[in-house]
PDB file of all heavy atoms in Angstrom:
ATOM      1  N   ARG A   1      -5.559  -8.497  -1.611  1.00  0.00           N
ATOM      2  CA  ARG A   1      -4.709  -9.463  -1.205  1.00  0.00           C
ATOM      3  C   ARG A   1      -3.219  -9.069  -1.024  1.00  0.00           C
ATOM      4  O   ARG A   1      -2.550  -9.421  -0.148  1.00  0.00           O
ATOM      5  CB  ARG A   1      -4.812 -10.751  -2.049  1.00  0.00           C
ATOM      6  CG  ARG A   1      -3.955 -11.935  -1.705  1.00  0.00           C
ATOM      7  CD  ARG A   1      -4.160 -13.072  -2.739  1.00  0.00           C
ATOM      8  NE  ARG A   1      -3.324 -14.212  -2.268  1.00  0.00           N
ATOM      9  CZ  ARG A   1      -2.687 -14.980  -3.115  1.00  0.00           C
ATOM     10  NH1 ARG A   1      -2.843 -14.846  -4.490  1.00  0.00           N
ATOM     11  NH2 ARG A   1      -1.969 -16.054  -2.720  1.00  0.00           N
ATOM     12  N   PHE A   2      -2.767  -8.257  -2.039  1.00  0.00           N
ATOM     13  CA  PHE A   2      -1.459  -7.711  -2.046  1.00  0.00           C
ATOM     14  C   PHE A   2      -1.223  -6.980  -0.792  1.00  0.00           C
ATOM     15  O   PHE A   2      -0.221  -6.957  -0.060  1.00  0.00           O
ATOM     16  CB  PHE A   2      -1.168  -6.998  -3.335  1.00  0.00           C
ATOM     17  CG  PHE A   2       0.262  -6.618  -3.539  1.00  0.00           C
ATOM     18  CD1 PHE A   2       1.123  -7.479  -4.312  1.00  0.00           C
ATOM     19  CD2 PHE A   2       0.839  -5.500  -2.992  1.00  0.00           C
ATOM     20  CE1 PHE A   2       2.428  -7.153  -4.556  1.00  0.00           C
ATOM     21  CE2 PHE A   2       2.117  -5.179  -3.210  1.00  0.00           C
ATOM     22  CZ  PHE A   2       2.900  -6.042  -3.980  1.00  0.00           C
ATOM     23  N   GLY A   3      -2.201  -6.018  -0.519  1.00  0.00           N
ATOM     24  CA  GLY A   3      -2.139  -5.047   0.568  1.00  0.00           C
ATOM     25  C   GLY A   3      -2.068  -5.848   1.982  1.00  0.00           C
ATOM     26  O   GLY A   3      -1.187  -5.487   2.789  1.00  0.00           O
ATOM     27  N   THR A   4      -2.848  -6.892   2.103  1.00  0.00           N
ATOM     28  CA  THR A   4      -2.775  -7.726   3.311  1.00  0.00           C
ATOM     29  C   THR A   4      -1.480  -8.437   3.502  1.00  0.00           C
ATOM     30  O   THR A   4      -0.928  -8.412   4.647  1.00  0.00           O
ATOM     31  CB  THR A   4      -3.988  -8.689   3.270  1.00  0.00           C
ATOM     32  OG1 THR A   4      -5.251  -8.012   3.147  1.00  0.00           O
ATOM     33  CG2 THR A   4      -3.936  -9.539   4.562  1.00  0.00           C
ATOM     34  N   ALA A   5      -0.924  -9.016   2.358  1.00  0.00           N
ATOM     35  CA  ALA A   5       0.282  -9.717   2.502  1.00  0.00           C
ATOM     36  C   ALA A   5       1.487  -8.692   2.746  1.00  0.00           C
ATOM     37  O   ALA A   5       2.326  -9.050   3.571  1.00  0.00           O
ATOM     38  CB  ALA A   5       0.473 -10.493   1.181  1.00  0.00           C
ATOM     39  N   LEU A   6       1.356  -7.572   2.257  1.00  0.00           N
ATOM     40  CA  LEU A   6       2.405  -6.587   2.543  1.00  0.00           C
ATOM     41  C   LEU A   6       2.424  -6.127   3.886  1.00  0.00           C
ATOM     42  O   LEU A   6       3.475  -6.058   4.600  1.00  0.00           O
ATOM     43  CB  LEU A   6       2.158  -5.315   1.591  1.00  0.00           C
ATOM     44  CG  LEU A   6       3.199  -4.127   1.698  1.00  0.00           C
ATOM     45  CD1 LEU A   6       4.603  -4.561   1.353  1.00  0.00           C
ATOM     46  CD2 LEU A   6       2.732  -2.993   0.905  1.00  0.00           C
ATOM     47  N   LYS A   7       1.293  -5.885   4.526  1.00  0.00           N
ATOM     48  CA  LYS A   7       1.264  -5.563   5.917  1.00  0.00           C
ATOM     49  C   LYS A   7       1.751  -6.672   6.805  1.00  0.00           C
ATOM     50  O   LYS A   7       2.461  -6.424   7.810  1.00  0.00           O
ATOM     51  CB  LYS A   7      -0.277  -5.265   6.392  1.00  0.00           C
ATOM     52  CG  LYS A   7      -0.320  -4.746   7.704  1.00  0.00           C
ATOM     53  CD  LYS A   7      -1.857  -4.302   8.005  1.00  0.00           C
ATOM     54  CE  LYS A   7      -1.999  -3.880   9.366  1.00  0.00           C
ATOM     55  NZ  LYS A   7      -3.528  -3.482   9.788  1.00  0.00           N
ATOM     56  N   ALA A   8       1.478  -7.973   6.464  1.00  0.00           N
ATOM     57  CA  ALA A   8       1.813  -9.083   7.258  1.00  0.00           C
ATOM     58  C   ALA A   8       3.364  -9.285   7.159  1.00  0.00           C
ATOM     59  O   ALA A   8       3.981  -9.777   8.124  1.00  0.00           O
ATOM     60  CB  ALA A   8       1.045 -10.339   6.827  1.00  0.00           C
ATOM     61  N   ALA A   9       3.912  -8.880   6.035  1.00  0.00           N
ATOM     62  CA  ALA A   9       5.405  -9.234   5.823  1.00  0.00           C
ATOM     63  C   ALA A   9       6.246  -8.146   6.580  1.00  0.00           C
ATOM     64  O   ALA A   9       7.449  -8.463   6.859  1.00  0.00           O
ATOM     65  CB  ALA A   9       5.714  -9.011   4.309  1.00  0.00           C
ATOM     66  N   GLY A  10       5.641  -7.076   7.100  1.00  0.00           N
ATOM     67  CA  GLY A  10       6.361  -6.153   7.886  1.00  0.00           C
ATOM     68  C   GLY A  10       7.581  -5.507   7.172  1.00  0.00           C
ATOM     69  O   GLY A  10       8.649  -5.650   7.491  1.00  0.00           O
ATOM     70  N   PRO A  11       7.283  -4.806   6.038  1.00  0.00           N
ATOM     71  CA  PRO A  11       8.368  -4.288   5.270  1.00  0.00           C
ATOM     72  C   PRO A  11       9.214  -3.341   6.021  1.00  0.00           C
ATOM     73  O   PRO A  11       8.684  -2.543   6.883  1.00  0.00           O
ATOM     74  CB  PRO A  11       7.646  -3.548   4.087  1.00  0.00           C
ATOM     75  CG  PRO A  11       6.339  -3.237   4.606  1.00  0.00           C
ATOM     76  CD  PRO A  11       5.944  -4.346   5.575  1.00  0.00           C
ATOM     77  N   PRO A  12      10.500  -3.164   5.715  1.00  0.00           N
ATOM     78  CA  PRO A  12      11.422  -2.266   6.371  1.00  0.00           C
ATOM     79  C   PRO A  12      11.358  -0.848   5.868  1.00  0.00           C
ATOM     80  O   PRO A  12      12.385  -0.208   5.727  1.00  0.00           O
ATOM     81  CB  PRO A  12      12.861  -2.944   6.160  1.00  0.00           C
ATOM     82  CG  PRO A  12      12.664  -3.602   4.801  1.00  0.00           C
ATOM     83  CD  PRO A  12      11.241  -4.017   4.879  1.00  0.00           C
ATOM     84  N   PHE A  13      10.192  -0.399   5.431  1.00  0.00           N
ATOM     85  CA  PHE A  13       9.980   0.902   5.054  1.00  0.00           C
ATOM     86  C   PHE A  13       8.521   1.258   5.190  1.00  0.00           C
ATOM     87  O   PHE A  13       7.684   0.427   5.455  1.00  0.00           O
ATOM     88  CB  PHE A  13      10.319   0.968   3.536  1.00  0.00           C
ATOM     89  CG  PHE A  13       9.639   0.071   2.637  1.00  0.00           C
ATOM     90  CD1 PHE A  13       8.341   0.152   2.144  1.00  0.00           C
ATOM     91  CD2 PHE A  13      10.283  -1.174   2.236  1.00  0.00           C
ATOM     92  CE1 PHE A  13       7.651  -0.734   1.334  1.00  0.00           C
ATOM     93  CE2 PHE A  13       9.656  -2.119   1.374  1.00  0.00           C
ATOM     94  CZ  PHE A  13       8.383  -1.895   0.975  1.00  0.00           C
ATOM     95  N   GLU A  14       8.241   2.663   5.161  1.00  0.00           N
ATOM     96  CA  GLU A  14       6.901   3.173   5.390  1.00  0.00           C
ATOM     97  C   GLU A  14       6.142   2.877   4.080  1.00  0.00           C
ATOM     98  O   GLU A  14       6.506   3.219   2.954  1.00  0.00           O
ATOM     99  CB  GLU A  14       6.949   4.688   5.616  1.00  0.00           C
ATOM    100  CG  GLU A  14       7.564   5.033   6.939  1.00  0.00           C
ATOM    101  CD  GLU A  14       6.669   4.531   8.051  1.00  0.00           C
ATOM    102  OE1 GLU A  14       5.452   4.433   7.901  1.00  0.00           O
ATOM    103  OE2 GLU A  14       7.273   4.266   9.232  1.00  0.00           O
ATOM    104  N   THR A  15       4.956   2.273   4.175  1.00  0.00           N
ATOM    105  CA  THR A  15       4.244   1.811   3.052  1.00  0.00           C
ATOM    106  C   THR A  15       3.236   2.887   2.619  1.00  0.00           C
ATOM    107  O   THR A  15       3.167   3.213   1.357  1.00  0.00           O
ATOM    108  CB  THR A  15       3.453   0.498   3.304  1.00  0.00           C
ATOM    109  OG1 THR A  15       2.556   0.870   4.378  1.00  0.00           O
ATOM    110  CG2 THR A  15       4.354  -0.604   3.647  1.00  0.00           C
ATOM    111  N   GLY A  16       2.731   3.627   3.576  1.00  0.00           N
ATOM    112  CA  GLY A  16       1.738   4.703   3.151  1.00  0.00           C
ATOM    113  C   GLY A  16       0.462   4.111   2.442  1.00  0.00           C
ATOM    114  O   GLY A  16       0.186   2.949   2.555  1.00  0.00           O
ATOM    115  N   LYS A  17       0.027   4.847   1.540  1.00  0.00           N
ATOM    116  CA  LYS A  17      -1.111   4.358   0.639  1.00  0.00           C
ATOM    117  C   LYS A  17      -0.556   3.443  -0.418  1.00  0.00           C
ATOM    118  O   LYS A  17       0.315   3.688  -1.093  1.00  0.00           O
ATOM    119  CB  LYS A  17      -1.791   5.533  -0.013  1.00  0.00           C
ATOM    120  CG  LYS A  17      -3.136   5.307  -0.668  1.00  0.00           C
ATOM    121  CD  LYS A  17      -3.860   6.455  -1.189  1.00  0.00           C
ATOM    122  CE  LYS A  17      -5.179   6.066  -1.804  1.00  0.00           C
ATOM    123  NZ  LYS A  17      -5.962   7.377  -2.354  1.00  0.00           N
ATOM    124  N   LEU A  18      -1.177   2.297  -0.494  1.00  0.00           N
ATOM    125  CA  LEU A  18      -0.745   1.193  -1.348  1.00  0.00           C
ATOM    126  C   LEU A  18      -0.738   1.548  -2.792  1.00  0.00           C
ATOM    127  O   LEU A  18       0.170   1.320  -3.521  1.00  0.00           O
ATOM    128  CB  LEU A  18      -1.659  -0.044  -1.199  1.00  0.00           C
ATOM    129  CG  LEU A  18      -1.296  -1.269  -2.079  1.00  0.00           C
ATOM    130  CD1 LEU A  18       0.135  -1.721  -1.813  1.00  0.00           C
ATOM    131  CD2 LEU A  18      -2.232  -2.402  -1.840  1.00  0.00           C
ATOM    132  N   SER A  19      -1.680   2.263  -3.339  1.00  0.00           N
ATOM    133  CA  SER A  19      -1.771   2.703  -4.647  1.00  0.00           C
ATOM    134  C   SER A  19      -0.664   3.594  -5.104  1.00  0.00           C
ATOM    135  O   SER A  19       0.005   3.443  -6.108  1.00  0.00           O
ATOM    136  CB  SER A  19      -3.185   3.411  -5.023  1.00  0.00           C
ATOM    137  OG  SER A  19      -3.331   4.520  -4.087  1.00  0.00           O
ATOM    138  N   LYS A  20      -0.378   4.554  -4.173  1.00  0.00           N
ATOM    139  CA  LYS A  20       0.698   5.468  -4.386  1.00  0.00           C
ATOM    140  C   LYS A  20       2.054   4.711  -4.399  1.00  0.00           C
ATOM    141  O   LYS A  20       2.971   5.039  -5.189  1.00  0.00           O
ATOM    142  CB  LYS A  20       0.729   6.581  -3.315  1.00  0.00           C
ATOM    143  CG  LYS A  20       1.672   7.689  -3.614  1.00  0.00           C
ATOM    144  CD  LYS A  20       1.502   8.742  -2.617  1.00  0.00           C
ATOM    145  CE  LYS A  20       2.617   9.868  -2.745  1.00  0.00           C
ATOM    146  NZ  LYS A  20       2.366  10.990  -1.745  1.00  0.00           N
ATOM    147  N   LEU A  21       2.190   3.817  -3.413  1.00  0.00           N
ATOM    148  CA  LEU A  21       3.365   3.066  -3.356  1.00  0.00           C
ATOM    149  C   LEU A  21       3.655   2.201  -4.603  1.00  0.00           C
ATOM    150  O   LEU A  21       4.881   2.230  -5.244  1.00  0.00           O
ATOM    151  CB  LEU A  21       3.349   2.059  -2.165  1.00  0.00           C
ATOM    152  CG  LEU A  21       4.510   1.015  -1.956  1.00  0.00           C
ATOM    153  CD1 LEU A  21       5.740   1.823  -1.603  1.00  0.00           C
ATOM    154  CD2 LEU A  21       4.161   0.052  -0.897  1.00  0.00           C
ATOM    155  N   LEU A  22       2.712   1.590  -5.251  1.00  0.00           N
ATOM    156  CA  LEU A  22       2.883   0.776  -6.333  1.00  0.00           C
ATOM    157  C   LEU A  22       3.077   1.648  -7.589  1.00  0.00           C
ATOM    158  O   LEU A  22       3.981   1.405  -8.366  1.00  0.00           O
ATOM    159  CB  LEU A  22       1.636  -0.026  -6.628  1.00  0.00           C
ATOM    160  CG  LEU A  22       1.385  -1.179  -5.615  1.00  0.00           C
ATOM    161  CD1 LEU A  22      -0.124  -1.912  -5.849  1.00  0.00           C
ATOM    162  CD2 LEU A  22       2.447  -2.246  -5.572  1.00  0.00           C
ATOM    163  N   ASP A  23       2.376   2.759  -7.791  1.00  0.00           N
ATOM    164  CA  ASP A  23       2.492   3.626  -8.804  1.00  0.00           C
ATOM    165  C   ASP A  23       3.858   4.291  -8.866  1.00  0.00           C
ATOM    166  O   ASP A  23       4.482   4.581  -9.855  1.00  0.00           O
ATOM    167  CB  ASP A  23       1.410   4.790  -8.774  1.00  0.00           C
ATOM    168  CG  ASP A  23       0.078   4.265  -8.993  1.00  0.00           C
ATOM    169  OD1 ASP A  23      -0.121   3.135  -9.384  1.00  0.00           O
ATOM    170  OD2 ASP A  23      -0.945   5.086  -8.655  1.00  0.00           O
ATOM    171  N   GLY A  24       4.503   4.510  -7.673  1.00  0.00           N
ATOM    172  CA  GLY A  24       5.773   5.119  -7.517  1.00  0.00           C
ATOM    173  C   GLY A  24       6.921   4.212  -8.050  1.00  0.00           C
ATOM    174  O   GLY A  24       8.006   4.797  -8.425  1.00  0.00           O
ATOM    175  N   THR A  25       6.741   3.034  -8.169  1.00  0.00           N
ATOM    176  CA  THR A  25       7.808   2.076  -8.480  1.00  0.00           C
ATOM    177  C   THR A  25       8.073   2.025 -10.039  1.00  0.00           C
ATOM    178  O   THR A  25       9.121   1.740 -10.487  1.00  0.00           O
ATOM    179  CB  THR A  25       7.564   0.614  -8.067  1.00  0.00           C
ATOM    180  OG1 THR A  25       6.474   0.106  -8.725  1.00  0.00           O
ATOM    181  CG2 THR A  25       7.437   0.663  -6.565  1.00  0.00           C
ATOM    182  N   GLY A  26       6.955   2.273 -10.787  1.00  0.00           N
ATOM    183  CA  GLY A  26       7.031   2.134 -12.215  1.00  0.00           C
ATOM    184  C   GLY A  26       7.062   0.696 -12.702  1.00  0.00           C
ATOM    185  O   GLY A  26       7.126   0.410 -13.865  1.00  0.00           O
ATOM    186  N   ALA A  27       6.950  -0.214 -11.742  1.00  0.00           N
ATOM    187  CA  ALA A  27       7.059  -1.657 -12.091  1.00  0.00           C
ATOM    188  C   ALA A  27       5.754  -2.371 -12.235  1.00  0.00           C
ATOM    189  O   ALA A  27       5.631  -3.562 -12.573  1.00  0.00           O
ATOM    190  CB  ALA A  27       7.995  -2.370 -11.079  1.00  0.00           C
ATOM    191  N   PHE A  28       4.653  -1.730 -11.750  1.00  0.00           N
ATOM    192  CA  PHE A  28       3.361  -2.269 -11.649  1.00  0.00           C
ATOM    193  C   PHE A  28       2.287  -1.442 -12.310  1.00  0.00           C
ATOM    194  O   PHE A  28       2.425  -0.281 -12.499  1.00  0.00           O
ATOM    195  CB  PHE A  28       2.974  -2.425 -10.154  1.00  0.00           C
ATOM    196  CG  PHE A  28       3.927  -3.411  -9.366  1.00  0.00           C
ATOM    197  CD1 PHE A  28       4.845  -2.837  -8.631  1.00  0.00           C
ATOM    198  CD2 PHE A  28       3.714  -4.781  -9.478  1.00  0.00           C
ATOM    199  CE1 PHE A  28       5.685  -3.683  -7.838  1.00  0.00           C
ATOM    200  CE2 PHE A  28       4.519  -5.590  -8.711  1.00  0.00           C
ATOM    201  CZ  PHE A  28       5.516  -5.093  -7.912  1.00  0.00           C
ATOM    202  N   GLN A  29       1.170  -2.215 -12.732  1.00  0.00           N
ATOM    203  CA  GLN A  29       0.054  -1.448 -13.220  1.00  0.00           C
ATOM    204  C   GLN A  29      -1.152  -1.971 -12.363  1.00  0.00           C
ATOM    205  O   GLN A  29      -0.974  -3.127 -11.744  1.00  0.00           O
ATOM    206  CB  GLN A  29      -0.304  -1.846 -14.719  1.00  0.00           C
ATOM    207  CG  GLN A  29       0.731  -1.260 -15.676  1.00  0.00           C
ATOM    208  CD  GLN A  29       0.369  -1.457 -17.031  1.00  0.00           C
ATOM    209  OE1 GLN A  29      -0.812  -1.143 -17.463  1.00  0.00           O
ATOM    210  NE2 GLN A  29       1.250  -1.923 -17.918  1.00  0.00           N
ATOM    211  N   ARG A  30      -2.182  -1.323 -12.221  1.00  0.00           N
ATOM    212  CA  ARG A  30      -3.317  -1.701 -11.372  1.00  0.00           C
ATOM    213  C   ARG A  30      -4.570  -0.969 -11.841  1.00  0.00           C
ATOM    214  O   ARG A  30      -4.585  -0.095 -12.665  1.00  0.00           O
ATOM    215  CB  ARG A  30      -3.038  -1.235 -10.009  1.00  0.00           C
ATOM    216  CG  ARG A  30      -2.875   0.264  -9.782  1.00  0.00           C
ATOM    217  CD  ARG A  30      -2.753   0.712  -8.435  1.00  0.00           C
ATOM    218  NE  ARG A  30      -2.818   2.173  -8.298  1.00  0.00           N
ATOM    219  CZ  ARG A  30      -3.801   2.972  -8.325  1.00  0.00           C
ATOM    220  NH1 ARG A  30      -5.055   2.388  -8.312  1.00  0.00           N
ATOM    221  NH2 ARG A  30      -3.775   4.269  -8.295  1.00  0.00           N
ATOM    222  N   ASP A  31      -5.717  -1.574 -11.321  1.00  0.00           N
ATOM    223  CA  ASP A  31      -6.966  -0.953 -11.516  1.00  0.00           C
ATOM    224  C   ASP A  31      -7.565  -0.909 -10.002  1.00  0.00           C
ATOM    225  O   ASP A  31      -6.779  -1.047  -9.163  1.00  0.00           O
ATOM    226  CB  ASP A  31      -7.865  -1.596 -12.542  1.00  0.00           C
ATOM    227  CG  ASP A  31      -8.004  -3.082 -12.188  1.00  0.00           C
ATOM    228  OD1 ASP A  31      -7.871  -3.568 -11.047  1.00  0.00           O
ATOM    229  OD2 ASP A  31      -8.282  -3.850 -13.104  1.00  0.00           O
ATOM    230  N   GLN A  32      -8.842  -0.846  -9.948  1.00  0.00           N
ATOM    231  CA  GLN A  32      -9.433  -0.767  -8.571  1.00  0.00           C
ATOM    232  C   GLN A  32      -9.392  -2.128  -7.890  1.00  0.00           C
ATOM    233  O   GLN A  32      -9.649  -2.116  -6.653  1.00  0.00           O
ATOM    234  CB  GLN A  32     -10.857  -0.212  -8.602  1.00  0.00           C
ATOM    235  CG  GLN A  32     -10.940   1.193  -9.219  1.00  0.00           C
ATOM    236  CD  GLN A  32     -10.119   2.134  -8.259  1.00  0.00           C
ATOM    237  OE1 GLN A  32     -10.235   2.187  -7.005  1.00  0.00           O
ATOM    238  NE2 GLN A  32      -9.411   3.043  -8.905  1.00  0.00           N
ATOM    239  N   ILE A  33      -9.150  -3.170  -8.600  1.00  0.00           N
ATOM    240  CA  ILE A  33      -9.290  -4.506  -7.996  1.00  0.00           C
ATOM    241  C   ILE A  33      -7.965  -5.291  -8.050  1.00  0.00           C
ATOM    242  O   ILE A  33      -7.660  -5.982  -7.131  1.00  0.00           O
ATOM    243  CB  ILE A  33     -10.397  -5.365  -8.736  1.00  0.00           C
ATOM    244  CG1 ILE A  33     -11.902  -4.540  -8.708  1.00  0.00           C
ATOM    245  CG2 ILE A  33     -10.535  -6.760  -8.270  1.00  0.00           C
ATOM    246  CD1 ILE A  33     -12.865  -5.156  -9.411  1.00  0.00           C
ATOM    247  N   HIS A  34      -7.206  -5.216  -9.160  1.00  0.00           N
ATOM    248  CA  HIS A  34      -6.098  -6.023  -9.343  1.00  0.00           C
ATOM    249  C   HIS A  34      -4.708  -5.175  -9.550  1.00  0.00           C
ATOM    250  O   HIS A  34      -4.866  -3.992  -9.824  1.00  0.00           O
ATOM    251  CB  HIS A  34      -6.197  -6.836 -10.638  1.00  0.00           C
ATOM    252  CG  HIS A  34      -7.339  -7.844 -10.576  1.00  0.00           C
ATOM    253  ND1 HIS A  34      -8.570  -7.558 -11.030  1.00  0.00           N
ATOM    254  CD2 HIS A  34      -7.357  -9.147 -10.065  1.00  0.00           C
ATOM    255  CE1 HIS A  34      -9.357  -8.679 -10.815  1.00  0.00           C
ATOM    256  NE2 HIS A  34      -8.606  -9.665 -10.139  1.00  0.00           N
ATOM    257  N   VAL A  35      -3.624  -5.866  -9.314  1.00  0.00           N
ATOM    258  CA  VAL A  35      -2.308  -5.352  -9.602  1.00  0.00           C
ATOM    259  C   VAL A  35      -1.593  -6.362 -10.463  1.00  0.00           C
ATOM    260  O   VAL A  35      -1.753  -7.621 -10.266  1.00  0.00           O
ATOM    261  CB  VAL A  35      -1.571  -4.929  -8.274  1.00  0.00           C
ATOM    262  CG1 VAL A  35      -1.456  -6.255  -7.465  1.00  0.00           C
ATOM    263  CG2 VAL A  35      -0.207  -4.431  -8.717  1.00  0.00           C
ATOM    264  N   TRP A  36      -0.828  -5.896 -11.456  1.00  0.00           N
ATOM    265  CA  TRP A  36      -0.003  -6.764 -12.213  1.00  0.00           C
ATOM    266  C   TRP A  36       1.273  -6.185 -12.669  1.00  0.00           C
ATOM    267  O   TRP A  36       1.484  -4.915 -12.568  1.00  0.00           O
ATOM    268  CB  TRP A  36      -0.800  -7.343 -13.421  1.00  0.00           C
ATOM    269  CG  TRP A  36      -1.210  -6.126 -14.437  1.00  0.00           C
ATOM    270  CD1 TRP A  36      -0.663  -5.644 -15.575  1.00  0.00           C
ATOM    271  CD2 TRP A  36      -2.382  -5.337 -14.287  1.00  0.00           C
ATOM    272  NE1 TRP A  36      -1.369  -4.686 -16.100  1.00  0.00           N
ATOM    273  CE2 TRP A  36      -2.463  -4.435 -15.409  1.00  0.00           C
ATOM    274  CE3 TRP A  36      -3.465  -5.289 -13.372  1.00  0.00           C
ATOM    275  CZ2 TRP A  36      -3.425  -3.488 -15.597  1.00  0.00           C
ATOM    276  CZ3 TRP A  36      -4.493  -4.372 -13.586  1.00  0.00           C
ATOM    277  CH2 TRP A  36      -4.601  -3.525 -14.717  1.00  0.00           C
TER     278      TRP A  36
END
């Protein structure tokens, strides 16, 4: 759901792979199903 919403929002930056994007911020944790 997060990935779909991110794509629809049209962010002003290259998203690349979602897992790598989230891990790189240091602000989120995730597993194969959820992000928090």
